[in-house]
């Protein structure tokens, strides 16, 4: 399946920093509730099914890439307002991050 450049341009991705990590005891699968800061006073809540791959300590302060213009969705009863990007297969998962230091809120394209 292919999409047009115009459709891809609708996806807004930014660099963010994880500033809080909380458990979601009601979740059926291992999930974290994260608060991700995107600069200029903007932060979003994210629910991520990565609890079995990343500890709370590994995630706190981690710089990540996220899609920030998705419709909010309720996951395990918690609102998720963005989506972290990751490379994954059945055995591995790695959150995507900029190669160099860039400011939180920097656009990704």
N, C-alpha and C. Protein backbone atom coordinates (compact mmCIF):
# COMPACT_ATOMS: atom_id res chain seq x y z
N UNK A 1 0.85 -1.18 0.00
CA UNK A 1 0.00 0.00 0.00
C UNK A 1 0.89 1.24 0.00
N UNK A 2 0.56 2.19 -0.80
CA UNK A 2 1.31 3.45 -0.81
C UNK A 2 0.37 4.60 -0.49
N UNK A 3 0.96 5.68 0.02
CA UNK A 3 0.19 6.89 0.31
C UNK A 3 0.85 8.04 -0.43
N UNK A 4 0.09 9.08 -0.63
CA UNK A 4 0.62 10.25 -1.32
C UNK A 4 1.48 11.09 -0.37
N UNK A 5 2.32 11.91 -0.96
CA UNK A 5 3.11 12.86 -0.17
C UNK A 5 2.17 13.78 0.60
N UNK A 6 1.06 14.15 -0.01
CA UNK A 6 0.09 15.03 0.66
C UNK A 6 -0.47 14.36 1.92
N UNK A 7 -0.75 13.05 1.85
CA UNK A 7 -1.23 12.34 3.04
C UNK A 7 -0.15 12.26 4.10
N UNK A 8 1.09 11.96 3.69
CA UNK A 8 2.19 11.87 4.64
C UNK A 8 2.42 13.22 5.32
N UNK A 9 2.25 14.31 4.58
CA UNK A 9 2.48 15.64 5.13
C UNK A 9 1.49 15.98 6.26
N UNK A 10 0.40 15.25 6.35
CA UNK A 10 -0.57 15.48 7.42
C UNK A 10 -0.08 14.96 8.77
N UNK A 11 0.89 14.06 8.75
CA UNK A 11 1.42 13.47 9.99
C UNK A 11 2.43 14.44 10.59
N UNK A 12 2.16 14.89 11.82
CA UNK A 12 3.06 15.82 12.50
C UNK A 12 3.88 15.07 13.54
N UNK A 13 5.19 15.03 13.32
CA UNK A 13 6.10 14.34 14.23
C UNK A 13 7.04 15.36 14.85
N UNK A 14 7.31 15.17 16.15
CA UNK A 14 8.20 16.08 16.87
C UNK A 14 9.08 15.30 17.84
N UNK A 15 10.18 15.94 18.21
CA UNK A 15 11.06 15.43 19.25
C UNK A 15 10.47 15.81 20.60
N UNK A 16 10.42 14.85 21.49
CA UNK A 16 9.90 15.10 22.83
C UNK A 16 10.79 14.48 23.88
N UNK A 17 10.52 14.83 25.13
CA UNK A 17 11.28 14.29 26.27
C UNK A 17 10.28 13.72 27.27
N UNK A 18 10.49 12.49 27.67
CA UNK A 18 9.61 11.84 28.64
C UNK A 18 9.89 12.42 30.03
N UNK A 19 8.85 13.00 30.64
CA UNK A 19 9.03 13.67 31.94
C UNK A 19 8.32 12.96 33.09
N UNK A 20 7.44 12.00 32.79
CA UNK A 20 6.85 11.18 33.85
C UNK A 20 6.47 9.81 33.29
N UNK A 21 6.56 8.82 34.16
CA UNK A 21 6.25 7.43 33.81
C UNK A 21 5.44 6.84 34.95
N UNK A 22 4.24 6.33 34.63
CA UNK A 22 3.38 5.74 35.65
C UNK A 22 2.84 4.40 35.17
N UNK A 23 2.58 3.52 36.12
CA UNK A 23 1.97 2.23 35.80
C UNK A 23 0.48 2.41 35.52
N UNK A 24 -0.07 1.49 34.76
CA UNK A 24 -1.52 1.44 34.52
C UNK A 24 -1.99 0.08 35.03
N UNK A 25 -2.37 0.01 36.30
CA UNK A 25 -2.72 -1.30 36.88
C UNK A 25 -3.90 -1.98 36.20
N UNK A 26 -4.81 -1.21 35.60
CA UNK A 26 -6.00 -1.78 34.97
C UNK A 26 -5.72 -2.40 33.61
N UNK A 27 -4.56 -2.14 33.04
CA UNK A 27 -4.24 -2.61 31.68
C UNK A 27 -4.07 -4.13 31.66
N UNK A 28 -4.61 -4.76 30.61
CA UNK A 28 -4.45 -6.21 30.44
C UNK A 28 -3.05 -6.57 29.99
N UNK A 29 -2.42 -5.67 29.21
CA UNK A 29 -1.05 -5.88 28.74
C UNK A 29 -0.14 -4.91 29.49
N UNK A 30 1.17 -5.22 29.55
CA UNK A 30 2.10 -4.31 30.25
C UNK A 30 2.23 -2.97 29.54
N UNK A 31 1.75 -1.89 30.17
CA UNK A 31 1.75 -0.56 29.56
C UNK A 31 2.22 0.49 30.55
N UNK A 32 2.79 1.55 30.00
CA UNK A 32 3.16 2.73 30.78
C UNK A 32 2.29 3.91 30.36
N UNK A 33 1.95 4.75 31.32
CA UNK A 33 1.34 6.06 31.03
C UNK A 33 2.49 7.07 31.13
N UNK A 34 2.76 7.74 30.02
CA UNK A 34 3.88 8.66 29.93
C UNK A 34 3.39 10.09 29.72
N UNK A 35 4.13 11.04 30.23
CA UNK A 35 3.93 12.45 29.92
C UNK A 35 5.15 12.85 29.11
N UNK A 36 4.90 13.37 27.89
CA UNK A 36 5.99 13.74 26.98
C UNK A 36 5.92 15.25 26.75
N UNK A 37 7.03 15.92 26.98
CA UNK A 37 7.13 17.37 26.82
C UNK A 37 7.64 17.68 25.41
N UNK A 38 6.98 18.64 24.75
CA UNK A 38 7.34 19.02 23.39
C UNK A 38 7.78 20.47 23.28
N UNK A 39 8.13 21.10 24.38
CA UNK A 39 8.61 22.47 24.38
C UNK A 39 7.49 23.49 24.40
N UNK A 40 7.85 24.74 24.70
CA UNK A 40 6.92 25.86 24.74
C UNK A 40 5.68 25.57 25.59
N UNK A 41 5.87 24.84 26.69
CA UNK A 41 4.77 24.55 27.60
C UNK A 41 3.79 23.49 27.10
N UNK A 42 4.12 22.81 26.00
CA UNK A 42 3.23 21.79 25.44
C UNK A 42 3.69 20.40 25.89
N UNK A 43 2.77 19.66 26.48
CA UNK A 43 3.05 18.27 26.82
C UNK A 43 1.81 17.45 26.48
N UNK A 44 2.04 16.17 26.23
CA UNK A 44 0.94 15.27 25.90
C UNK A 44 1.11 13.97 26.67
N UNK A 45 -0.03 13.34 26.94
CA UNK A 45 -0.03 12.05 27.60
C UNK A 45 -0.01 10.95 26.54
N UNK A 46 0.75 9.90 26.81
CA UNK A 46 0.89 8.79 25.87
C UNK A 46 0.79 7.48 26.62
N UNK A 47 0.03 6.54 26.08
CA UNK A 47 -0.01 5.19 26.62
C UNK A 47 0.81 4.32 25.67
N UNK A 48 1.80 3.64 26.22
CA UNK A 48 2.71 2.84 25.39
C UNK A 48 2.84 1.43 25.94
N UNK A 49 2.65 0.46 25.07
CA UNK A 49 2.75 -0.95 25.44
C UNK A 49 4.19 -1.44 25.41
N UNK A 50 5.05 -0.76 26.14
CA UNK A 50 6.49 -1.08 26.13
C UNK A 50 7.02 -1.42 27.51
N UNK A 51 6.14 -1.68 28.44
CA UNK A 51 6.56 -1.91 29.83
C UNK A 51 7.46 -3.14 29.95
N UNK A 52 7.25 -4.13 29.09
CA UNK A 52 8.07 -5.34 29.15
C UNK A 52 9.43 -5.15 28.46
N UNK A 53 9.63 -3.99 27.81
CA UNK A 53 10.90 -3.72 27.10
C UNK A 53 11.71 -2.58 27.71
N UNK A 54 11.04 -1.65 28.40
CA UNK A 54 11.71 -0.49 28.99
C UNK A 54 11.28 -0.31 30.44
N UNK A 55 12.25 -0.12 31.32
CA UNK A 55 11.95 0.15 32.73
C UNK A 55 11.60 1.64 32.89
N UNK A 56 11.01 1.96 34.02
CA UNK A 56 10.69 3.34 34.36
C UNK A 56 11.96 4.19 34.33
N UNK A 57 13.04 3.66 34.87
CA UNK A 57 14.31 4.40 34.93
C UNK A 57 14.88 4.65 33.53
N UNK A 58 14.75 3.70 32.64
CA UNK A 58 15.24 3.89 31.27
C UNK A 58 14.46 4.97 30.52
N UNK A 59 13.17 5.09 30.84
CA UNK A 59 12.31 6.02 30.10
C UNK A 59 12.38 7.45 30.62
N UNK A 60 12.57 7.63 31.94
CA UNK A 60 12.59 8.98 32.51
C UNK A 60 13.70 9.82 31.87
N UNK A 61 13.31 10.95 31.26
CA UNK A 61 14.27 11.85 30.64
C UNK A 61 14.69 11.47 29.24
N UNK A 62 14.18 10.34 28.73
CA UNK A 62 14.56 9.87 27.39
C UNK A 62 13.99 10.80 26.32
N UNK A 63 14.81 11.11 25.33
CA UNK A 63 14.39 11.91 24.18
C UNK A 63 13.87 10.93 23.13
N UNK A 64 12.69 11.22 22.58
CA UNK A 64 11.99 10.32 21.66
C UNK A 64 11.42 11.10 20.48
N UNK A 65 10.94 10.36 19.49
CA UNK A 65 10.20 10.94 18.38
C UNK A 65 8.76 10.45 18.50
N UNK A 66 7.79 11.37 18.33
CA UNK A 66 6.38 11.00 18.48
C UNK A 66 5.52 11.67 17.42
N UNK A 67 4.42 11.01 17.09
CA UNK A 67 3.37 11.61 16.27
C UNK A 67 2.49 12.38 17.24
N UNK A 68 2.30 13.68 16.98
CA UNK A 68 1.61 14.53 17.95
C UNK A 68 0.22 15.00 17.52
N UNK A 69 -0.21 14.67 16.31
CA UNK A 69 -1.51 15.17 15.87
C UNK A 69 -2.53 14.05 15.63
N UNK A 70 -2.44 12.97 16.39
CA UNK A 70 -3.45 11.92 16.33
C UNK A 70 -4.66 12.31 17.17
N UNK A 71 -5.81 11.80 16.80
CA UNK A 71 -6.98 11.97 17.65
C UNK A 71 -6.72 11.24 18.96
N UNK A 72 -7.07 11.84 20.11
CA UNK A 72 -6.90 11.13 21.38
C UNK A 72 -7.70 9.83 21.38
N UNK A 73 -7.13 8.81 22.01
CA UNK A 73 -7.78 7.50 22.07
C UNK A 73 -7.66 6.98 23.49
N UNK A 74 -8.71 6.33 23.98
CA UNK A 74 -8.68 5.74 25.31
C UNK A 74 -8.07 4.34 25.22
N UNK A 75 -6.99 4.14 25.97
CA UNK A 75 -6.32 2.84 26.04
C UNK A 75 -6.30 2.44 27.51
N UNK A 76 -6.90 1.31 27.82
CA UNK A 76 -6.98 0.83 29.21
C UNK A 76 -7.58 1.90 30.12
N UNK A 77 -8.53 2.67 29.58
CA UNK A 77 -9.20 3.70 30.37
C UNK A 77 -8.41 4.98 30.54
N UNK A 78 -7.29 5.11 29.84
CA UNK A 78 -6.43 6.28 29.95
C UNK A 78 -6.33 6.95 28.57
N UNK A 79 -6.47 8.27 28.52
CA UNK A 79 -6.39 8.99 27.24
C UNK A 79 -4.95 8.99 26.73
N UNK A 80 -4.79 8.63 25.46
CA UNK A 80 -3.48 8.67 24.81
C UNK A 80 -3.57 9.73 23.71
N UNK A 81 -2.70 10.75 23.79
CA UNK A 81 -2.77 11.90 22.90
C UNK A 81 -1.66 11.96 21.86
N UNK A 82 -0.71 11.03 21.93
CA UNK A 82 0.36 10.98 20.94
C UNK A 82 0.85 9.54 20.85
N UNK A 83 1.75 9.28 19.90
CA UNK A 83 2.27 7.93 19.72
C UNK A 83 3.79 7.98 19.54
N UNK A 84 4.50 7.25 20.40
CA UNK A 84 5.95 7.15 20.26
C UNK A 84 6.27 6.28 19.06
N UNK A 85 7.32 6.63 18.32
CA UNK A 85 7.73 5.83 17.19
C UNK A 85 8.84 4.87 17.61
N UNK A 86 8.79 3.66 17.06
CA UNK A 86 9.77 2.63 17.43
C UNK A 86 10.03 1.72 16.24
N UNK A 87 11.21 1.15 16.23
CA UNK A 87 11.54 0.07 15.30
C UNK A 87 11.31 -1.22 16.08
N UNK A 88 10.63 -2.20 15.46
CA UNK A 88 10.33 -3.42 16.21
C UNK A 88 10.11 -4.62 15.29
N UNK A 89 10.31 -5.78 15.85
CA UNK A 89 9.89 -7.04 15.27
C UNK A 89 9.46 -7.92 16.43
N UNK A 90 9.28 -9.21 16.21
CA UNK A 90 8.77 -10.06 17.29
C UNK A 90 9.75 -10.20 18.46
N UNK A 91 11.04 -9.91 18.24
CA UNK A 91 12.03 -10.09 19.29
C UNK A 91 12.64 -8.80 19.83
N UNK A 92 12.53 -7.71 19.09
CA UNK A 92 13.23 -6.48 19.45
C UNK A 92 12.31 -5.27 19.37
N UNK A 93 12.64 -4.27 20.18
CA UNK A 93 11.93 -3.00 20.12
C UNK A 93 12.90 -1.91 20.52
N UNK A 94 12.96 -0.85 19.72
CA UNK A 94 13.84 0.28 20.02
C UNK A 94 13.10 1.58 19.70
N UNK A 95 12.92 2.42 20.72
CA UNK A 95 12.30 3.72 20.49
C UNK A 95 13.20 4.56 19.60
N UNK A 96 12.58 5.32 18.69
CA UNK A 96 13.34 6.18 17.80
C UNK A 96 13.70 7.48 18.50
N UNK A 97 14.91 7.94 18.25
CA UNK A 97 15.42 9.18 18.85
C UNK A 97 16.34 9.85 17.85
N UNK A 98 16.49 11.18 17.94
CA UNK A 98 17.41 11.88 17.03
C UNK A 98 18.85 11.42 17.26
N UNK A 99 19.60 11.40 16.19
CA UNK A 99 21.01 11.01 16.27
C UNK A 99 21.85 12.04 17.02
N UNK A 100 21.50 13.32 16.88
CA UNK A 100 22.23 14.40 17.52
C UNK A 100 21.30 15.13 18.49
N UNK A 101 21.91 15.95 19.35
CA UNK A 101 21.11 16.76 20.27
C UNK A 101 20.35 17.82 19.49
N UNK A 102 19.03 17.79 19.60
CA UNK A 102 18.18 18.83 19.02
C UNK A 102 17.19 19.24 20.10
N UNK A 103 16.63 20.40 19.95
CA UNK A 103 15.70 20.92 20.95
C UNK A 103 14.39 20.12 20.97
N UNK A 104 13.85 19.99 22.17
CA UNK A 104 12.52 19.41 22.32
C UNK A 104 11.55 20.27 21.53
N UNK A 105 10.66 19.64 20.79
CA UNK A 105 9.72 20.35 19.94
C UNK A 105 10.16 20.47 18.49
N UNK A 106 11.40 20.06 18.19
CA UNK A 106 11.89 20.10 16.82
C UNK A 106 11.02 19.19 15.95
N UNK A 107 10.65 19.68 14.78
CA UNK A 107 9.83 18.90 13.85
C UNK A 107 10.67 17.80 13.21
N UNK A 108 10.02 16.68 12.93
CA UNK A 108 10.64 15.53 12.26
C UNK A 108 9.91 15.34 10.94
N UNK A 109 10.66 15.08 9.89
CA UNK A 109 10.03 14.90 8.58
C UNK A 109 10.83 13.98 7.70
